[in-house]
Amino acid sequence: MRFLGIYFLVSFIIQISHAQDRALIIASGGGVVGTATVYKISADGIVKKGKGLSEIKYHEESKLSKCTTKKYFKKARSLTNAYPDFNHPGNTYTSISLMEPDTEKKITWGASDHAVPEDVKKLYQKIIARLTRLTFTSDPRK
């Protein structure tokens, strides 16, 4: 019986650590200044918002429901698998990136001579519309 309790505890800890390794990154930026606005959505629905040039500092935080988060991850996984080599940034760029343990898949667009797939554009617009309705607060852990 004691072994069973230890097994469940270890399983729970492993699940938590793998969930923290997964993230959906929504970014846009570039231009003359080169600053990017980045949203990092963890698998448990925590949304961090940051800005920066190369290394992004996340200073704001909010939360999405687990159901919504799961849908976004599923659709992003499908699209990053469907368009694994779509990397066409322009002077300004937009991207959807799915980070999972040991892999990162990314779709980047912005170049005027490469049209972004319509389903990718729709997912980005849907996620951004939802994220802009969130109330962000300063991340107390920073």
N, C-alpha and C. Protein backbone atom coordinates (compact mmCIF):
# COMPACT_ATOMS: atom_id res chain seq x y z
N MET A 1 0.82 -1.18 0.00
CA MET A 1 0.00 0.00 0.00
C MET A 1 0.87 1.26 0.00
N ARG A 2 1.93 1.22 0.78
CA ARG A 2 2.84 2.36 0.85
C ARG A 2 3.49 2.60 -0.51
N PHE A 3 3.82 1.51 -1.21
CA PHE A 3 4.42 1.62 -2.54
C PHE A 3 3.47 2.32 -3.51
N LEU A 4 2.19 2.01 -3.42
CA LEU A 4 1.20 2.62 -4.30
C LEU A 4 1.13 4.14 -4.09
N GLY A 5 1.18 4.60 -2.85
CA GLY A 5 1.17 6.03 -2.55
C GLY A 5 2.40 6.73 -3.11
N ILE A 6 3.56 6.11 -2.97
CA ILE A 6 4.81 6.67 -3.50
C ILE A 6 4.74 6.72 -5.03
N TYR A 7 4.19 5.67 -5.63
CA TYR A 7 4.05 5.63 -7.09
C TYR A 7 3.21 6.81 -7.59
N PHE A 8 2.07 7.05 -6.96
CA PHE A 8 1.20 8.16 -7.37
C PHE A 8 1.88 9.51 -7.17
N LEU A 9 2.61 9.67 -6.09
CA LEU A 9 3.33 10.92 -5.84
C LEU A 9 4.37 11.17 -6.92
N VAL A 10 5.16 10.18 -7.25
CA VAL A 10 6.19 10.32 -8.28
C VAL A 10 5.54 10.58 -9.64
N SER A 11 4.45 9.88 -9.96
CA SER A 11 3.75 10.11 -11.22
C SER A 11 3.24 11.54 -11.33
N PHE A 12 2.71 12.05 -10.24
CA PHE A 12 2.19 13.41 -10.21
C PHE A 12 3.31 14.42 -10.44
N ILE A 13 4.42 14.23 -9.79
CA ILE A 13 5.57 15.14 -9.94
C ILE A 13 6.09 15.11 -11.37
N ILE A 14 6.16 13.94 -11.97
CA ILE A 14 6.63 13.82 -13.35
C ILE A 14 5.67 14.53 -14.30
N GLN A 15 4.36 14.38 -14.09
CA GLN A 15 3.39 15.06 -14.94
C GLN A 15 3.52 16.56 -14.84
N ILE A 16 3.72 17.08 -13.64
CA ILE A 16 3.87 18.52 -13.45
C ILE A 16 5.12 19.02 -14.17
N SER A 17 6.23 18.30 -14.04
CA SER A 17 7.47 18.75 -14.67
C SER A 17 7.36 18.74 -16.19
N HIS A 18 6.66 17.75 -16.76
CA HIS A 18 6.48 17.74 -18.22
C HIS A 18 5.53 18.83 -18.67
N ALA A 19 4.52 19.16 -17.89
CA ALA A 19 3.60 20.24 -18.24
C ALA A 19 4.34 21.57 -18.28
N GLN A 20 5.31 21.75 -17.40
CA GLN A 20 6.06 22.99 -17.38
C GLN A 20 7.05 23.09 -18.53
N ASP A 21 7.37 21.97 -19.16
CA ASP A 21 8.27 21.98 -20.31
C ASP A 21 7.53 22.35 -21.59
N ARG A 22 6.21 22.39 -21.55
CA ARG A 22 5.41 22.67 -22.74
C ARG A 22 4.93 24.12 -22.70
N ALA A 23 5.02 24.78 -23.86
CA ALA A 23 4.54 26.16 -23.94
C ALA A 23 4.16 26.48 -25.38
N LEU A 24 3.19 27.36 -25.50
CA LEU A 24 2.78 27.90 -26.77
C LEU A 24 3.20 29.36 -26.77
N ILE A 25 4.03 29.74 -27.73
CA ILE A 25 4.57 31.09 -27.80
C ILE A 25 3.93 31.82 -28.99
N ILE A 26 3.32 32.96 -28.71
CA ILE A 26 2.71 33.80 -29.73
C ILE A 26 3.49 35.11 -29.74
N ALA A 27 4.07 35.46 -30.88
CA ALA A 27 4.94 36.64 -30.92
C ALA A 27 4.70 37.48 -32.17
N SER A 28 4.99 38.76 -32.02
CA SER A 28 5.00 39.66 -33.17
C SER A 28 5.99 40.78 -32.88
N GLY A 29 6.63 41.28 -33.92
CA GLY A 29 7.61 42.34 -33.69
C GLY A 29 8.38 42.67 -34.94
N GLY A 30 9.54 43.25 -34.71
CA GLY A 30 10.41 43.66 -35.80
C GLY A 30 10.27 45.13 -36.08
N GLY A 31 10.45 45.48 -37.33
CA GLY A 31 10.35 46.88 -37.72
C GLY A 31 11.64 47.63 -37.43
N VAL A 32 11.57 48.95 -37.40
CA VAL A 32 12.73 49.79 -37.19
C VAL A 32 13.36 49.54 -35.83
N VAL A 33 12.55 49.48 -34.79
CA VAL A 33 13.05 49.31 -33.43
C VAL A 33 13.42 47.86 -33.15
N GLY A 34 12.68 46.92 -33.70
CA GLY A 34 12.98 45.51 -33.53
C GLY A 34 12.39 44.87 -32.28
N THR A 35 11.63 45.59 -31.51
CA THR A 35 11.05 45.06 -30.28
C THR A 35 9.94 44.06 -30.61
N ALA A 36 9.87 43.00 -29.83
CA ALA A 36 8.83 41.98 -29.99
C ALA A 36 7.93 41.95 -28.76
N THR A 37 6.66 41.68 -29.00
CA THR A 37 5.71 41.41 -27.92
C THR A 37 5.46 39.92 -27.97
N VAL A 38 5.64 39.25 -26.82
CA VAL A 38 5.57 37.81 -26.78
C VAL A 38 4.63 37.36 -25.66
N TYR A 39 3.77 36.40 -25.99
CA TYR A 39 2.90 35.76 -25.00
C TYR A 39 3.36 34.31 -24.88
N LYS A 40 3.62 33.89 -23.67
CA LYS A 40 4.03 32.51 -23.42
C LYS A 40 2.92 31.84 -22.62
N ILE A 41 2.26 30.86 -23.24
CA ILE A 41 1.15 30.16 -22.60
C ILE A 41 1.65 28.79 -22.17
N SER A 42 1.62 28.53 -20.87
CA SER A 42 2.05 27.23 -20.38
C SER A 42 0.90 26.23 -20.51
N ALA A 43 1.21 24.96 -20.42
CA ALA A 43 0.21 23.91 -20.58
C ALA A 43 -0.89 23.98 -19.52
N ASP A 44 -0.60 24.60 -18.38
CA ASP A 44 -1.62 24.72 -17.34
C ASP A 44 -2.41 26.03 -17.43
N GLY A 45 -2.21 26.81 -18.50
CA GLY A 45 -3.01 27.99 -18.75
C GLY A 45 -2.44 29.31 -18.26
N ILE A 46 -1.26 29.29 -17.65
CA ILE A 46 -0.64 30.54 -17.21
C ILE A 46 -0.10 31.27 -18.45
N VAL A 47 -0.48 32.53 -18.59
CA VAL A 47 -0.04 33.34 -19.73
C VAL A 47 0.90 34.42 -19.21
N LYS A 48 2.10 34.44 -19.75
CA LYS A 48 3.07 35.48 -19.40
C LYS A 48 3.24 36.37 -20.62
N LYS A 49 3.30 37.68 -20.37
CA LYS A 49 3.45 38.65 -21.44
C LYS A 49 4.76 39.39 -21.24
N GLY A 50 5.50 39.53 -22.33
CA GLY A 50 6.77 40.23 -22.23
C GLY A 50 7.11 40.96 -23.50
N LYS A 51 8.09 41.83 -23.38
CA LYS A 51 8.59 42.59 -24.53
C LYS A 51 10.11 42.60 -24.46
N GLY A 52 10.72 42.75 -25.62
CA GLY A 52 12.17 42.83 -25.64
C GLY A 52 12.73 42.75 -27.04
N LEU A 53 14.05 42.86 -27.11
CA LEU A 53 14.74 42.77 -28.39
C LEU A 53 15.18 41.34 -28.68
N SER A 54 16.03 40.80 -27.86
CA SER A 54 16.48 39.42 -28.10
C SER A 54 16.02 38.52 -26.96
N GLU A 55 16.36 38.86 -25.74
CA GLU A 55 15.90 38.08 -24.59
C GLU A 55 14.65 38.75 -24.03
N ILE A 56 13.57 38.01 -24.02
CA ILE A 56 12.29 38.55 -23.57
C ILE A 56 12.19 38.46 -22.05
N LYS A 57 11.80 39.57 -21.46
CA LYS A 57 11.55 39.63 -20.02
C LYS A 57 10.04 39.61 -19.82
N TYR A 58 9.55 38.59 -19.13
CA TYR A 58 8.12 38.46 -18.88
C TYR A 58 7.80 39.15 -17.56
N HIS A 59 7.03 40.25 -17.63
CA HIS A 59 6.71 41.03 -16.44
C HIS A 59 5.23 41.02 -16.08
N GLU A 60 4.40 40.46 -16.95
CA GLU A 60 2.97 40.45 -16.68
C GLU A 60 2.44 39.02 -16.79
N GLU A 61 1.36 38.74 -16.06
CA GLU A 61 0.83 37.39 -16.02
C GLU A 61 -0.69 37.41 -15.96
N SER A 62 -1.30 36.39 -16.57
CA SER A 62 -2.73 36.19 -16.51
C SER A 62 -2.99 34.69 -16.63
N LYS A 63 -4.24 34.31 -16.85
CA LYS A 63 -4.56 32.88 -16.90
C LYS A 63 -5.69 32.62 -17.90
N LEU A 64 -5.55 31.53 -18.63
CA LEU A 64 -6.59 31.01 -19.51
C LEU A 64 -7.17 29.76 -18.88
N SER A 65 -8.39 29.42 -19.26
CA SER A 65 -8.97 28.17 -18.76
C SER A 65 -8.20 26.99 -19.34
N LYS A 66 -8.22 25.87 -18.65
CA LYS A 66 -7.50 24.69 -19.14
C LYS A 66 -8.11 24.18 -20.43
N CYS A 67 -9.43 24.29 -20.56
CA CYS A 67 -10.11 23.84 -21.77
C CYS A 67 -9.65 24.66 -22.98
N THR A 68 -9.62 25.97 -22.85
CA THR A 68 -9.17 26.85 -23.93
C THR A 68 -7.71 26.58 -24.26
N THR A 69 -6.90 26.45 -23.23
CA THR A 69 -5.47 26.18 -23.43
C THR A 69 -5.26 24.89 -24.19
N LYS A 70 -5.98 23.86 -23.80
CA LYS A 70 -5.85 22.56 -24.45
C LYS A 70 -6.21 22.65 -25.93
N LYS A 71 -7.28 23.41 -26.27
CA LYS A 71 -7.67 23.59 -27.67
C LYS A 71 -6.58 24.30 -28.46
N TYR A 72 -6.00 25.35 -27.88
CA TYR A 72 -4.95 26.09 -28.57
C TYR A 72 -3.72 25.22 -28.81
N PHE A 73 -3.34 24.43 -27.82
CA PHE A 73 -2.18 23.54 -27.97
C PHE A 73 -2.44 22.51 -29.07
N LYS A 74 -3.64 21.93 -29.06
CA LYS A 74 -3.98 20.90 -30.04
C LYS A 74 -3.94 21.47 -31.46
N LYS A 75 -4.53 22.64 -31.66
CA LYS A 75 -4.55 23.25 -32.99
C LYS A 75 -3.14 23.68 -33.41
N ALA A 76 -2.38 24.26 -32.48
CA ALA A 76 -1.01 24.67 -32.80
C ALA A 76 -0.15 23.46 -33.16
N ARG A 77 -0.34 22.34 -32.47
CA ARG A 77 0.41 21.12 -32.77
C ARG A 77 0.07 20.65 -34.18
N SER A 78 -1.20 20.67 -34.52
CA SER A 78 -1.64 20.25 -35.84
C SER A 78 -1.04 21.13 -36.94
N LEU A 79 -1.07 22.45 -36.72
CA LEU A 79 -0.57 23.38 -37.74
C LEU A 79 0.95 23.35 -37.86
N THR A 80 1.66 23.26 -36.75
CA THR A 80 3.12 23.21 -36.83
C THR A 80 3.58 21.90 -37.48
N ASN A 81 2.79 20.85 -37.35
CA ASN A 81 3.10 19.60 -38.06
C ASN A 81 2.77 19.72 -39.54
N ALA A 82 1.69 20.45 -39.86
CA ALA A 82 1.28 20.61 -41.26
C ALA A 82 2.22 21.53 -42.04
N TYR A 83 2.80 22.52 -41.36
CA TYR A 83 3.68 23.50 -42.03
C TYR A 83 5.03 23.57 -41.29
N PRO A 84 5.78 22.49 -41.27
CA PRO A 84 7.01 22.46 -40.46
C PRO A 84 8.11 23.39 -40.94
N ASP A 85 8.10 23.75 -42.21
CA ASP A 85 9.19 24.57 -42.76
C ASP A 85 8.74 25.97 -43.15
N PHE A 86 7.61 26.43 -42.62
CA PHE A 86 7.14 27.77 -42.98
C PHE A 86 7.85 28.79 -42.12
N ASN A 87 8.90 29.39 -42.67
CA ASN A 87 9.72 30.37 -41.97
C ASN A 87 10.02 31.51 -42.94
N HIS A 88 9.11 32.51 -42.96
CA HIS A 88 9.23 33.61 -43.91
C HIS A 88 9.00 34.94 -43.21
N PRO A 89 9.91 35.33 -42.30
CA PRO A 89 9.74 36.64 -41.66
C PRO A 89 10.06 37.76 -42.64
N GLY A 90 9.48 38.90 -42.41
CA GLY A 90 9.81 40.08 -43.20
C GLY A 90 10.44 41.10 -42.28
N ASN A 91 10.32 42.37 -42.64
CA ASN A 91 10.81 43.43 -41.76
C ASN A 91 10.09 43.35 -40.41
N THR A 92 8.80 43.06 -40.46
CA THR A 92 8.05 42.74 -39.25
C THR A 92 7.66 41.27 -39.37
N TYR A 93 7.43 40.63 -38.25
CA TYR A 93 7.11 39.21 -38.28
C TYR A 93 6.06 38.88 -37.24
N THR A 94 5.45 37.73 -37.45
CA THR A 94 4.50 37.15 -36.52
C THR A 94 4.84 35.67 -36.45
N SER A 95 4.67 35.07 -35.27
CA SER A 95 5.00 33.65 -35.18
C SER A 95 4.14 32.93 -34.15
N ILE A 96 3.98 31.65 -34.41
CA ILE A 96 3.37 30.71 -33.47
C ILE A 96 4.40 29.61 -33.27
N SER A 97 4.74 29.37 -32.03
CA SER A 97 5.77 28.38 -31.72
C SER A 97 5.24 27.44 -30.65
N LEU A 98 5.45 26.16 -30.86
CA LEU A 98 5.04 25.15 -29.88
C LEU A 98 6.29 24.50 -29.32
N MET A 99 6.50 24.70 -28.03
CA MET A 99 7.67 24.10 -27.36
C MET A 99 7.20 22.92 -26.53
N GLU A 100 7.79 21.77 -26.80
CA GLU A 100 7.50 20.56 -26.04
C GLU A 100 8.84 19.99 -25.60
N PRO A 101 8.80 19.05 -24.67
CA PRO A 101 10.09 18.51 -24.22
C PRO A 101 10.95 18.06 -25.42
N ASP A 102 12.11 18.62 -25.52
CA ASP A 102 13.10 18.25 -26.54
C ASP A 102 12.81 18.75 -27.95
N THR A 103 11.71 19.47 -28.19
CA THR A 103 11.44 19.96 -29.54
C THR A 103 10.81 21.36 -29.50
N GLU A 104 11.02 22.09 -30.57
CA GLU A 104 10.32 23.35 -30.78
C GLU A 104 9.95 23.41 -32.25
N LYS A 105 8.67 23.64 -32.51
CA LYS A 105 8.17 23.78 -33.87
C LYS A 105 7.62 25.19 -34.00
N LYS A 106 7.98 25.85 -35.11
CA LYS A 106 7.65 27.26 -35.23
C LYS A 106 7.21 27.60 -36.64
N ILE A 107 6.17 28.44 -36.72
CA ILE A 107 5.71 29.00 -37.99
C ILE A 107 5.91 30.51 -37.89
N THR A 108 6.66 31.08 -38.83
CA THR A 108 6.95 32.51 -38.81
C THR A 108 6.59 33.11 -40.17
N TRP A 109 5.91 34.25 -40.13
CA TRP A 109 5.54 34.91 -41.38
C TRP A 109 5.65 36.42 -41.26
N GLY A 110 5.59 37.06 -42.41
CA GLY A 110 5.70 38.52 -42.46
C GLY A 110 6.20 38.99 -43.80
N ALA A 111 6.90 38.14 -44.52
CA ALA A 111 7.41 38.50 -45.85
C ALA A 111 6.24 38.64 -46.81
N SER A 112 6.21 39.74 -47.55
CA SER A 112 5.09 40.01 -48.44
C SER A 112 5.01 39.03 -49.61
N ASP A 113 6.11 38.39 -49.96
CA ASP A 113 6.11 37.46 -51.08
C ASP A 113 5.75 36.03 -50.70
N HIS A 114 5.40 35.78 -49.43
CA HIS A 114 4.97 34.46 -48.97
C HIS A 114 3.68 34.61 -48.16
N ALA A 115 2.59 34.17 -48.74
CA ALA A 115 1.29 34.27 -48.05
C ALA A 115 1.23 33.23 -46.93
N VAL A 116 0.79 33.69 -45.77
CA VAL A 116 0.63 32.79 -44.64
C VAL A 116 -0.59 31.90 -44.88
N PRO A 117 -0.50 30.61 -44.56
CA PRO A 117 -1.67 29.74 -44.70
C PRO A 117 -2.85 30.29 -43.89
N GLU A 118 -4.02 30.25 -44.48
CA GLU A 118 -5.21 30.85 -43.87
C GLU A 118 -5.54 30.27 -42.50
N ASP A 119 -5.37 28.96 -42.31
CA ASP A 119 -5.68 28.36 -41.01
C ASP A 119 -4.69 28.81 -39.92
N VAL A 120 -3.47 29.10 -40.30
CA VAL A 120 -2.48 29.62 -39.35
C VAL A 120 -2.87 31.04 -38.94
N LYS A 121 -3.22 31.85 -39.94
CA LYS A 121 -3.63 33.23 -39.67
C LYS A 121 -4.86 33.26 -38.76
N LYS A 122 -5.82 32.39 -39.00
CA LYS A 122 -7.05 32.34 -38.19
C LYS A 122 -6.75 31.94 -36.75
N LEU A 123 -5.87 30.97 -36.56
CA LEU A 123 -5.51 30.57 -35.19
C LEU A 123 -4.84 31.73 -34.47
N TYR A 124 -3.90 32.38 -35.13
CA TYR A 124 -3.21 33.52 -34.51
C TYR A 124 -4.22 34.60 -34.12
N GLN A 125 -5.11 34.95 -35.02
CA GLN A 125 -6.11 35.99 -34.73
C GLN A 125 -7.02 35.59 -33.58
N LYS A 126 -7.40 34.33 -33.54
CA LYS A 126 -8.26 33.83 -32.46
C LYS A 126 -7.56 33.91 -31.11
N ILE A 127 -6.30 33.47 -31.07
CA ILE A 127 -5.55 33.50 -29.81
C ILE A 127 -5.31 34.94 -29.37
N ILE A 128 -4.88 35.80 -30.28
CA ILE A 128 -4.61 37.20 -29.93
C ILE A 128 -5.88 37.89 -29.44
N ALA A 129 -7.00 37.64 -30.09
CA ALA A 129 -8.26 38.24 -29.65
C ALA A 129 -8.58 37.83 -28.22
N ARG A 130 -8.32 36.57 -27.90
CA ARG A 130 -8.58 36.08 -26.53
C ARG A 130 -7.58 36.68 -25.54
N LEU A 131 -6.32 36.74 -25.92
CA LEU A 131 -5.29 37.25 -25.01
C LEU A 131 -5.48 38.74 -24.72
N THR A 132 -5.93 39.51 -25.70
CA THR A 132 -6.11 40.94 -25.47
C THR A 132 -7.29 41.23 -24.54
N ARG A 133 -8.17 40.26 -24.34
CA ARG A 133 -9.28 40.44 -23.40
C ARG A 133 -8.89 40.09 -21.97
N LEU A 134 -7.73 39.48 -21.79
CA LEU A 134 -7.28 39.10 -20.44
C LEU A 134 -6.83 40.35 -19.67
N THR A 135 -6.90 40.25 -18.36
CA THR A 135 -6.35 41.29 -17.49
C THR A 135 -5.01 40.78 -16.98
N PHE A 136 -3.96 41.50 -17.32
CA PHE A 136 -2.62 41.12 -16.90
C PHE A 136 -2.21 41.88 -15.66
N THR A 137 -1.52 41.20 -14.76
CA THR A 137 -0.99 41.84 -13.56
C THR A 137 0.51 41.64 -13.53
N SER A 138 1.19 42.47 -12.78
CA SER A 138 2.64 42.30 -12.64
C SER A 138 2.94 40.96 -12.01
N ASP A 139 3.91 40.28 -12.54
CA ASP A 139 4.31 38.96 -12.03
C ASP A 139 5.08 39.17 -10.72
N PRO A 140 4.51 38.76 -9.59
CA PRO A 140 5.19 38.98 -8.31
C PRO A 140 6.47 38.18 -8.13
N ARG A 141 6.70 37.18 -8.95
CA ARG A 141 7.90 36.35 -8.83
C ARG A 141 9.11 37.00 -9.47
N LYS A 142 8.95 38.09 -10.18
CA LYS A 142 10.06 38.77 -10.85
C LYS A 142 10.69 39.79 -9.96
